[in-house]
Structure formats: C-alpha cells, structure tokens
Amino acid sequence: MLNPPHLGELIRESMDEVGWNVTETAARLGCERGTLSRLLNGKAGVSANMALALEAIGWGTADHWMRMQASYELAEARRARGWQEDIRVRDAVPR
C-alpha cells in the first residue's frame, strides 16, 4: 500500500464502532491512557505488546497488526527518502 493510514486511525474507528472512549479502551487493553492517546494521535506506533492486547480484545490478530505497522513504517521511510532525493536532484541541477 502506497499511503497506508496510521494505525491509530484504525483503532479509533474500532473504538467508535463499539462506543468506547479512550479511558475504557485503555483499560480493556491493559495499557495507560496516555499510551493509547499517543497511538491514536499518531505519535506512536503499534508495539508487539499492543498488537497482542488488540488481539486479546478481538480486534484482529497480532500478526496482522504487526504487518500493518511494518507497512506504515516502510511507506513513511519511502516518503521521507523521496523527499530527500528531490532535494539532492534540485541541488545538483546547475543554475
């Protein structure tokens, strides 16, 4: 996938579907509210422990969450590298 969403967006959608707020979801996942907030706000990714917690509450498999996280990180790295390559090409062109 060229532009996968941050997994926090997918988790938020799941929360909305079941009507859970951040505090309730964090309690069900067994994590701190701040940990979940960072994930939901795109400041952190899904760790292996979080993937297992998501699996435990029935929101997909840990393997699937980890594959999606890897895809997201790879897309971000490609986007960053492309940006750097654009700068190098522009700077290499004689003026």
PDB file of N, CA and C in Angstrom:
ATOM      1  N   MET A   1       0.845  -1.164   0.000  1.00  0.00           N
ATOM      2  CA  MET A   1       0.000   0.000   0.000  1.00  0.00           C
ATOM      3  C   MET A   1       0.894   1.232   0.000  1.00  0.00           C
ATOM      4  N   LEU A   2       0.626   2.170  -0.879  1.00  0.00           N
ATOM      5  CA  LEU A   2       1.477   3.336  -1.008  1.00  0.00           C
ATOM      6  C   LEU A   2       1.293   4.340   0.116  1.00  0.00           C
ATOM      7  N   ASN A   3       0.074   4.517   0.591  1.00  0.00           N
ATOM      8  CA  ASN A   3      -0.178   5.507   1.623  1.00  0.00           C
ATOM      9  C   ASN A   3      -1.083   4.930   2.704  1.00  0.00           C
ATOM     10  N   PRO A   4      -0.585   3.964   3.466  1.00  0.00           N
ATOM     11  CA  PRO A   4      -1.435   3.345   4.488  1.00  0.00           C
ATOM     12  C   PRO A   4      -1.739   4.332   5.611  1.00  0.00           C
ATOM     13  N   PRO A   5      -2.906   4.206   6.228  1.00  0.00           N
ATOM     14  CA  PRO A   5      -3.233   5.100   7.340  1.00  0.00           C
ATOM     15  C   PRO A   5      -2.420   4.740   8.575  1.00  0.00           C
ATOM     16  N   HIS A   6      -2.252   5.714   9.453  1.00  0.00           N
ATOM     17  CA  HIS A   6      -1.639   5.414  10.745  1.00  0.00           C
ATOM     18  C   HIS A   6      -2.596   4.491  11.480  1.00  0.00           C
ATOM     19  N   LEU A   7      -2.063   3.522  12.188  1.00  0.00           N
ATOM     20  CA  LEU A   7      -2.913   2.526  12.837  1.00  0.00           C
ATOM     21  C   LEU A   7      -3.782   3.118  13.933  1.00  0.00           C
ATOM     22  N   GLY A   8      -3.393   4.262  14.458  1.00  0.00           N
ATOM     23  CA  GLY A   8      -4.239   4.941  15.432  1.00  0.00           C
ATOM     24  C   GLY A   8      -5.605   5.270  14.855  1.00  0.00           C
ATOM     25  N   GLU A   9      -5.649   5.602  13.561  1.00  0.00           N
ATOM     26  CA  GLU A   9      -6.928   5.891  12.902  1.00  0.00           C
ATOM     27  C   GLU A   9      -7.815   4.649  12.881  1.00  0.00           C
ATOM     28  N   LEU A  10      -7.218   3.506  12.608  1.00  0.00           N
ATOM     29  CA  LEU A  10      -7.990   2.260  12.557  1.00  0.00           C
ATOM     30  C   LEU A  10      -8.506   1.874  13.941  1.00  0.00           C
ATOM     31  N   ILE A  11      -7.678   2.085  14.941  1.00  0.00           N
ATOM     32  CA  ILE A  11      -8.095   1.771  16.309  1.00  0.00           C
ATOM     33  C   ILE A  11      -9.224   2.706  16.736  1.00  0.00           C
ATOM     34  N   ARG A  12      -9.109   3.984  16.388  1.00  0.00           N
ATOM     35  CA  ARG A  12     -10.172   4.939  16.725  1.00  0.00           C
ATOM     36  C   ARG A  12     -11.493   4.533  16.065  1.00  0.00           C
ATOM     37  N   GLU A  13     -11.438   4.092  14.815  1.00  0.00           N
ATOM     38  CA  GLU A  13     -12.656   3.625  14.136  1.00  0.00           C
ATOM     39  C   GLU A  13     -13.272   2.450  14.887  1.00  0.00           C
ATOM     40  N   SER A  14     -12.434   1.531  15.341  1.00  0.00           N
ATOM     41  CA  SER A  14     -12.934   0.381  16.102  1.00  0.00           C
ATOM     42  C   SER A  14     -13.556   0.833  17.417  1.00  0.00           C
ATOM     43  N   MET A  15     -12.944   1.804  18.052  1.00  0.00           N
ATOM     44  CA  MET A  15     -13.493   2.342  19.298  1.00  0.00           C
ATOM     45  C   MET A  15     -14.864   2.965  19.056  1.00  0.00           C
ATOM     46  N   ASP A  16     -14.969   3.728  17.981  1.00  0.00           N
ATOM     47  CA  ASP A  16     -16.245   4.364  17.656  1.00  0.00           C
ATOM     48  C   ASP A  16     -17.332   3.329  17.396  1.00  0.00           C
ATOM     49  N   GLU A  17     -16.959   2.251  16.704  1.00  0.00           N
ATOM     50  CA  GLU A  17     -17.933   1.200  16.388  1.00  0.00           C
ATOM     51  C   GLU A  17     -18.526   0.567  17.642  1.00  0.00           C
ATOM     52  N   VAL A  18     -17.711   0.392  18.671  1.00  0.00           N
ATOM     53  CA  VAL A  18     -18.199  -0.252  19.898  1.00  0.00           C
ATOM     54  C   VAL A  18     -18.605   0.756  20.973  1.00  0.00           C
ATOM     55  N   GLY A  19     -18.366   2.039  20.714  1.00  0.00           N
ATOM     56  CA  GLY A  19     -18.778   3.076  21.654  1.00  0.00           C
ATOM     57  C   GLY A  19     -17.893   3.237  22.875  1.00  0.00           C
ATOM     58  N   TRP A  20     -16.614   2.878  22.746  1.00  0.00           N
ATOM     59  CA  TRP A  20     -15.688   3.007  23.873  1.00  0.00           C
ATOM     60  C   TRP A  20     -14.921   4.318  23.770  1.00  0.00           C
ATOM     61  N   ASN A  21     -14.693   4.957  24.907  1.00  0.00           N
ATOM     62  CA  ASN A  21     -13.836   6.137  24.925  1.00  0.00           C
ATOM     63  C   ASN A  21     -12.391   5.697  25.180  1.00  0.00           C
ATOM     64  N   VAL A  22     -11.499   6.664  25.252  1.00  0.00           N
ATOM     65  CA  VAL A  22     -10.076   6.340  25.419  1.00  0.00           C
ATOM     66  C   VAL A  22      -9.821   5.627  26.748  1.00  0.00           C
ATOM     67  N   THR A  23     -10.434   6.122  27.801  1.00  0.00           N
ATOM     68  CA  THR A  23     -10.210   5.525  29.125  1.00  0.00           C
ATOM     69  C   THR A  23     -10.673   4.074  29.162  1.00  0.00           C
ATOM     70  N   GLU A  24     -11.861   3.820  28.638  1.00  0.00           N
ATOM     71  CA  GLU A  24     -12.386   2.448  28.645  1.00  0.00           C
ATOM     72  C   GLU A  24     -11.551   1.528  27.760  1.00  0.00           C
ATOM     73  N   THR A  25     -11.176   2.023  26.591  1.00  0.00           N
ATOM     74  CA  THR A  25     -10.380   1.199  25.680  1.00  0.00           C
ATOM     75  C   THR A  25      -9.025   0.870  26.294  1.00  0.00           C
ATOM     76  N   ALA A  26      -8.385   1.871  26.900  1.00  0.00           N
ATOM     77  CA  ALA A  26      -7.086   1.632  27.546  1.00  0.00           C
ATOM     78  C   ALA A  26      -7.218   0.582  28.644  1.00  0.00           C
ATOM     79  N   ALA A  27      -8.288   0.665  29.418  1.00  0.00           N
ATOM     80  CA  ALA A  27      -8.497  -0.324  30.486  1.00  0.00           C
ATOM     81  C   ALA A  27      -8.658  -1.723  29.905  1.00  0.00           C
ATOM     82  N   ARG A  28      -9.416  -1.842  28.835  1.00  0.00           N
ATOM     83  CA  ARG A  28      -9.627  -3.150  28.211  1.00  0.00           C
ATOM     84  C   ARG A  28      -8.338  -3.693  27.602  1.00  0.00           C
ATOM     85  N   LEU A  29      -7.494  -2.783  27.103  1.00  0.00           N
ATOM     86  CA  LEU A  29      -6.214  -3.200  26.516  1.00  0.00           C
ATOM     87  C   LEU A  29      -5.149  -3.444  27.578  1.00  0.00           C
ATOM     88  N   GLY A  30      -5.387  -2.967  28.780  1.00  0.00           N
ATOM     89  CA  GLY A  30      -4.399  -3.121  29.843  1.00  0.00           C
ATOM     90  C   GLY A  30      -3.209  -2.197  29.687  1.00  0.00           C
ATOM     91  N   CYS A  31      -3.461  -1.000  29.158  1.00  0.00           N
ATOM     92  CA  CYS A  31      -2.375  -0.037  28.976  1.00  0.00           C
ATOM     93  C   CYS A  31      -2.757   1.289  29.621  1.00  0.00           C
ATOM     94  N   GLU A  32      -1.792   2.168  29.731  1.00  0.00           N
ATOM     95  CA  GLU A  32      -2.041   3.506  30.256  1.00  0.00           C
ATOM     96  C   GLU A  32      -2.845   4.310  29.237  1.00  0.00           C
ATOM     97  N   ARG A  33      -3.680   5.207  29.739  1.00  0.00           N
ATOM     98  CA  ARG A  33      -4.478   6.061  28.858  1.00  0.00           C
ATOM     99  C   ARG A  33      -3.563   6.882  27.935  1.00  0.00           C
ATOM    100  N   GLY A  34      -2.459   7.391  28.484  1.00  0.00           N
ATOM    101  CA  GLY A  34      -1.515   8.180  27.694  1.00  0.00           C
ATOM    102  C   GLY A  34      -0.878   7.383  26.564  1.00  0.00           C
ATOM    103  N   THR A  35      -0.613   6.120  26.813  1.00  0.00           N
ATOM    104  CA  THR A  35      -0.046   5.246  25.775  1.00  0.00           C
ATOM    105  C   THR A  35      -1.012   5.133  24.605  1.00  0.00           C
ATOM    106  N   LEU A  36      -2.280   4.897  24.922  1.00  0.00           N
ATOM    107  CA  LEU A  36      -3.285   4.788  23.864  1.00  0.00           C
ATOM    108  C   LEU A  36      -3.479   6.127  23.164  1.00  0.00           C
ATOM    109  N   SER A  37      -3.481   7.219  23.911  1.00  0.00           N
ATOM    110  CA  SER A  37      -3.642   8.546  23.307  1.00  0.00           C
ATOM    111  C   SER A  37      -2.531   8.843  22.313  1.00  0.00           C
ATOM    112  N   ARG A  38      -1.284   8.500  22.676  1.00  0.00           N
ATOM    113  CA  ARG A  38      -0.165   8.719  21.739  1.00  0.00           C
ATOM    114  C   ARG A  38      -0.368   7.925  20.454  1.00  0.00           C
ATOM    115  N   LEU A  39      -0.852   6.709  20.588  1.00  0.00           N
ATOM    116  CA  LEU A  39      -1.116   5.877  19.416  1.00  0.00           C
ATOM    117  C   LEU A  39      -2.241   6.477  18.573  1.00  0.00           C
ATOM    118  N   LEU A  40      -3.327   6.864  19.227  1.00  0.00           N
ATOM    119  CA  LEU A  40      -4.470   7.421  18.500  1.00  0.00           C
ATOM    120  C   LEU A  40      -4.127   8.725  17.796  1.00  0.00           C
ATOM    121  N   ASN A  41      -3.217   9.504  18.379  1.00  0.00           N
ATOM    122  CA  ASN A  41      -2.847  10.799  17.808  1.00  0.00           C
ATOM    123  C   ASN A  41      -1.661  10.726  16.855  1.00  0.00           C
ATOM    124  N   GLY A  42      -1.236   9.511  16.509  1.00  0.00           N
ATOM    125  CA  GLY A  42      -0.167   9.347  15.534  1.00  0.00           C
ATOM    126  C   GLY A  42       1.220   9.630  16.064  1.00  0.00           C
ATOM    127  N   LYS A  43       1.375   9.706  17.381  1.00  0.00           N
ATOM    128  CA  LYS A  43       2.678   9.987  17.987  1.00  0.00           C
ATOM    129  C   LYS A  43       3.458   8.713  18.282  1.00  0.00           C
ATOM    130  N   ALA A  44       2.798   7.572  18.213  1.00  0.00           N
ATOM    131  CA  ALA A  44       3.441   6.276  18.472  1.00  0.00           C
ATOM    132  C   ALA A  44       2.816   5.241  17.548  1.00  0.00           C
ATOM    133  N   GLY A  45       3.546   4.165  17.342  1.00  0.00           N
ATOM    134  CA  GLY A  45       3.039   3.064  16.529  1.00  0.00           C
ATOM    135  C   GLY A  45       2.571   1.915  17.403  1.00  0.00           C
ATOM    136  N   VAL A  46       2.112   0.869  16.744  1.00  0.00           N
ATOM    137  CA  VAL A  46       1.664  -0.333  17.448  1.00  0.00           C
ATOM    138  C   VAL A  46       2.885  -1.187  17.780  1.00  0.00           C
ATOM    139  N   SER A  47       3.111  -1.405  19.063  1.00  0.00           N
ATOM    140  CA  SER A  47       4.201  -2.277  19.513  1.00  0.00           C
ATOM    141  C   SER A  47       3.718  -3.720  19.491  1.00  0.00           C
ATOM    142  N   ALA A  48       4.634  -4.642  19.680  1.00  0.00           N
ATOM    143  CA  ALA A  48       4.248  -6.055  19.749  1.00  0.00           C
ATOM    144  C   ALA A  48       3.290  -6.298  20.912  1.00  0.00           C
ATOM    145  N   ASN A  49       3.545  -5.656  22.060  1.00  0.00           N
ATOM    146  CA  ASN A  49       2.649  -5.821  23.205  1.00  0.00           C
ATOM    147  C   ASN A  49       1.263  -5.262  22.920  1.00  0.00           C
ATOM    148  N   MET A  50       1.204  -4.118  22.249  1.00  0.00           N
ATOM    149  CA  MET A  50      -0.098  -3.541  21.903  1.00  0.00           C
ATOM    150  C   MET A  50      -0.814  -4.439  20.903  1.00  0.00           C
ATOM    151  N   ALA A  51      -0.075  -4.996  19.951  1.00  0.00           N
ATOM    152  CA  ALA A  51      -0.685  -5.912  18.977  1.00  0.00           C
ATOM    153  C   ALA A  51      -1.311  -7.110  19.687  1.00  0.00           C
ATOM    154  N   LEU A  52      -0.622  -7.636  20.685  1.00  0.00           N
ATOM    155  CA  LEU A  52      -1.171  -8.758  21.456  1.00  0.00           C
ATOM    156  C   LEU A  52      -2.409  -8.337  22.239  1.00  0.00           C
ATOM    157  N   ALA A  53      -2.403  -7.121  22.781  1.00  0.00           N
ATOM    158  CA  ALA A  53      -3.564  -6.626  23.521  1.00  0.00           C
ATOM    159  C   ALA A  53      -4.761  -6.435  22.590  1.00  0.00           C
ATOM    160  N   LEU A  54      -4.515  -5.910  21.395  1.00  0.00           N
ATOM    161  CA  LEU A  54      -5.594  -5.739  20.413  1.00  0.00           C
ATOM    162  C   LEU A  54      -6.174  -7.090  20.016  1.00  0.00           C
ATOM    163  N   GLU A  55      -5.303  -8.066  19.848  1.00  0.00           N
ATOM    164  CA  GLU A  55      -5.750  -9.421  19.535  1.00  0.00           C
ATOM    165  C   GLU A  55      -6.603  -9.982  20.679  1.00  0.00           C
ATOM    166  N   ALA A  56      -6.196  -9.719  21.905  1.00  0.00           N
ATOM    167  CA  ALA A  56      -6.895 -10.260  23.075  1.00  0.00           C
ATOM    168  C   ALA A  56      -8.327  -9.735  23.193  1.00  0.00           C
ATOM    169  N   ILE A  57      -8.583  -8.516  22.682  1.00  0.00           N
ATOM    170  CA  ILE A  57      -9.952  -7.995  22.745  1.00  0.00           C
ATOM    171  C   ILE A  57     -10.732  -8.259  21.453  1.00  0.00           C
ATOM    172  N   GLY A  58     -10.119  -9.039  20.560  1.00  0.00           N
ATOM    173  CA  GLY A  58     -10.834  -9.460  19.361  1.00  0.00           C
ATOM    174  C   GLY A  58     -10.758  -8.524  18.180  1.00  0.00           C
ATOM    175  N   TRP A  59      -9.795  -7.620  18.201  1.00  0.00           N
ATOM    176  CA  TRP A  59      -9.645  -6.683  17.091  1.00  0.00           C
ATOM    177  C   TRP A  59      -8.527  -7.128  16.160  1.00  0.00           C
ATOM    178  N   GLY A  60      -8.679  -8.266  15.534  1.00  0.00           N
ATOM    179  CA  GLY A  60      -7.694  -8.780  14.596  1.00  0.00           C
ATOM    180  C   GLY A  60      -6.604  -9.570  15.299  1.00  0.00           C
ATOM    181  N   THR A  61      -5.668 -10.044  14.495  1.00  0.00           N
ATOM    182  CA  THR A  61      -4.569 -10.832  15.049  1.00  0.00           C
ATOM    183  C   THR A  61      -3.349  -9.945  15.270  1.00  0.00           C
ATOM    184  N   ALA A  62      -2.525 -10.344  16.218  1.00  0.00           N
ATOM    185  CA  ALA A  62      -1.290  -9.606  16.484  1.00  0.00           C
ATOM    186  C   ALA A  62      -0.401  -9.587  15.241  1.00  0.00           C
ATOM    187  N   ASP A  63      -0.357 -10.704  14.525  1.00  0.00           N
ATOM    188  CA  ASP A  63       0.455 -10.762  13.301  1.00  0.00           C
ATOM    189  C   ASP A  63      -0.005  -9.720  12.287  1.00  0.00           C
ATOM    190  N   HIS A  64      -1.313  -9.593  12.133  1.00  0.00           N
ATOM    191  CA  HIS A  64      -1.851  -8.628  11.170  1.00  0.00           C
ATOM    192  C   HIS A  64      -1.508  -7.193  11.585  1.00  0.00           C
ATOM    193  N   TRP A  65      -1.657  -6.885  12.870  1.00  0.00           N
ATOM    194  CA  TRP A  65      -1.313  -5.546  13.344  1.00  0.00           C
ATOM    195  C   TRP A  65       0.158  -5.243  13.100  1.00  0.00           C
ATOM    196  N   MET A  66       1.024  -6.228  13.338  1.00  0.00           N
ATOM    197  CA  MET A  66       2.452  -6.000  13.141  1.00  0.00           C
ATOM    198  C   MET A  66       2.792  -5.820  11.662  1.00  0.00           C
ATOM    199  N   ARG A  67       2.118  -6.571  10.791  1.00  0.00           N
ATOM    200  CA  ARG A  67       2.343  -6.389   9.349  1.00  0.00           C
ATOM    201  C   ARG A  67       1.880  -5.000   8.909  1.00  0.00           C
ATOM    202  N   MET A  68       0.731  -4.562   9.419  1.00  0.00           N
ATOM    203  CA  MET A  68       0.244  -3.223   9.063  1.00  0.00           C
ATOM    204  C   MET A  68       1.194  -2.146   9.581  1.00  0.00           C
ATOM    205  N   GLN A  69       1.744  -2.326  10.780  1.00  0.00           N
ATOM    206  CA  GLN A  69       2.696  -1.351  11.324  1.00  0.00           C
ATOM    207  C   GLN A  69       3.954  -1.299  10.460  1.00  0.00           C
ATOM    208  N   ALA A  70       4.442  -2.458  10.053  1.00  0.00           N
ATOM    209  CA  ALA A  70       5.631  -2.501   9.189  1.00  0.00           C
ATOM    210  C   ALA A  70       5.348  -1.819   7.855  1.00  0.00           C
ATOM    211  N   SER A  71       4.174  -2.040   7.292  1.00  0.00           N
ATOM    212  CA  SER A  71       3.801  -1.393   6.026  1.00  0.00           C
ATOM    213  C   SER A  71       3.747   0.120   6.184  1.00  0.00           C
ATOM    214  N   TYR A  72       3.182   0.572   7.292  1.00  0.00           N
ATOM    215  CA  TYR A  72       3.098   2.010   7.546  1.00  0.00           C
ATOM    216  C   TYR A  72       4.500   2.613   7.654  1.00  0.00           C
ATOM    217  N   GLU A  73       5.365   1.969   8.431  1.00  0.00           N
ATOM    218  CA  GLU A  73       6.721   2.487   8.617  1.00  0.00           C
ATOM    219  C   GLU A  73       7.507   2.495   7.312  1.00  0.00           C
ATOM    220  N   LEU A  74       7.339   1.475   6.497  1.00  0.00           N
ATOM    221  CA  LEU A  74       8.027   1.422   5.212  1.00  0.00           C
ATOM    222  C   LEU A  74       7.540   2.540   4.290  1.00  0.00           C
ATOM    223  N   ALA A  75       6.230   2.774   4.267  1.00  0.00           N
ATOM    224  CA  ALA A  75       5.682   3.859   3.448  1.00  0.00           C
ATOM    225  C   ALA A  75       6.218   5.209   3.919  1.00  0.00           C
ATOM    226  N   GLU A  76       6.304   5.404   5.230  1.00  0.00           N
ATOM    227  CA  GLU A  76       6.855   6.650   5.771  1.00  0.00           C
ATOM    228  C   GLU A  76       8.320   6.815   5.376  1.00  0.00           C
ATOM    229  N   ALA A  77       9.089   5.739   5.438  1.00  0.00           N
ATOM    230  CA  ALA A  77      10.503   5.798   5.057  1.00  0.00           C
ATOM    231  C   ALA A  77      10.649   6.118   3.571  1.00  0.00           C
ATOM    232  N   ARG A  78       9.805   5.518   2.754  1.00  0.00           N
ATOM    233  CA  ARG A  78       9.852   5.814   1.309  1.00  0.00           C
ATOM    234  C   ARG A  78       9.509   7.270   1.049  1.00  0.00           C
ATOM    235  N   ARG A  79       8.500   7.765   1.741  1.00  0.00           N
ATOM    236  CA  ARG A  79       8.094   9.156   1.562  1.00  0.00           C
ATOM    237  C   ARG A  79       9.242  10.084   1.978  1.00  0.00           C
ATOM    238  N   ALA A  80       9.881   9.800   3.098  1.00  0.00           N
ATOM    239  CA  ALA A  80      10.993  10.629   3.569  1.00  0.00           C
ATOM    240  C   ALA A  80      12.177  10.555   2.614  1.00  0.00           C
ATOM    241  N   ARG A  81      12.465   9.379   2.123  1.00  0.00           N
ATOM    242  CA  ARG A  81      13.589   9.212   1.202  1.00  0.00           C
ATOM    243  C   ARG A  81      13.320   9.932  -0.114  1.00  0.00           C
ATOM    244  N   GLY A  82      12.106   9.858  -0.602  1.00  0.00           N
ATOM    245  CA  GLY A  82      11.747  10.561  -1.830  1.00  0.00           C
ATOM    246  C   GLY A  82      11.923  12.057  -1.684  1.00  0.00           C
ATOM    247  N   TRP A  83      11.545  12.564  -0.516  1.00  0.00           N
ATOM    248  CA  TRP A  83      11.700  13.984  -0.246  1.00  0.00           C
ATOM    249  C   TRP A  83      13.175  14.361  -0.261  1.00  0.00           C
ATOM    250  N   GLN A  84      14.028  13.547   0.344  1.00  0.00           N
ATOM    251  CA  GLN A  84      15.459  13.825   0.363  1.00  0.00           C
ATOM    252  C   GLN A  84      16.048  13.729  -1.037  1.00  0.00           C
ATOM    253  N   GLU A  85      15.578  12.766  -1.832  1.00  0.00           N
ATOM    254  CA  GLU A  85      16.095  12.623  -3.189  1.00  0.00           C
ATOM    255  C   GLU A  85      15.693  13.818  -4.039  1.00  0.00           C
ATOM    256  N   ASP A  86      14.489  14.371  -3.836  1.00  0.00           N
ATOM    257  CA  ASP A  86      14.071  15.569  -4.560  1.00  0.00           C
ATOM    258  C   ASP A  86      15.014  16.728  -4.273  1.00  0.00           C
ATOM    259  N   ILE A  87      15.428  16.873  -3.026  1.00  0.00           N
ATOM    260  CA  ILE A  87      16.337  17.953  -2.653  1.00  0.00           C
ATOM    261  C   ILE A  87      17.689  17.755  -3.331  1.00  0.00           C
ATOM    262  N   ARG A  88      18.203  16.525  -3.326  1.00  0.00           N
ATOM    263  CA  ARG A  88      19.503  16.260  -3.954  1.00  0.00           C
ATOM    264  C   ARG A  88      19.462  16.556  -5.448  1.00  0.00           C
ATOM    265  N   VAL A  89      18.396  16.151  -6.118  1.00  0.00           N
ATOM    266  CA  VAL A  89      18.292  16.390  -7.562  1.00  0.00           C
ATOM    267  C   VAL A  89      18.224  17.882  -7.834  1.00  0.00           C
ATOM    268  N   ARG A  90      17.425  18.603  -7.068  1.00  0.00           N
ATOM    269  CA  ARG A  90      17.292  20.038  -7.271  1.00  0.00           C
ATOM    270  C   ARG A  90      18.629  20.738  -7.045  1.00  0.00           C
ATOM    271  N   ASP A  91      19.345  20.339  -5.996  1.00  0.00           N
ATOM    272  CA  ASP A  91      20.624  20.975  -5.687  1.00  0.00           C
ATOM    273  C   ASP A  91      21.707  20.624  -6.702  1.00  0.00           C
ATOM    274  N   ALA A  92      21.550  19.510  -7.400  1.00  0.00           N
ATOM    275  CA  ALA A  92      22.556  19.075  -8.369  1.00  0.00           C
ATOM    276  C   ALA A  92      22.388  19.761  -9.723  1.00  0.00           C
ATOM    277  N   VAL A  93      21.244  20.363  -9.956  1.00  0.00           N
ATOM    278  CA  VAL A  93      20.983  20.999 -11.251  1.00  0.00           C
ATOM    279  C   VAL A  93      21.710  22.341 -11.297  1.00  0.00           C
ATOM    280  N   PRO A  94      22.549  22.561 -12.358  1.00  0.00           N
ATOM    281  CA  PRO A  94      23.262  23.838 -12.471  1.00  0.00           C
ATOM    282  C   PRO A  94      22.276  24.990 -12.673  1.00  0.00           C
ATOM    283  N   ARG A  95      22.631  26.126 -12.133  1.00  0.00           N
ATOM    284  CA  ARG A  95      21.739  27.302 -12.252  1.00  0.00           C
ATOM    285  C   ARG A  95      22.308  28.337 -13.146  1.00  0.00           C
TER     286      ARG A  95
END
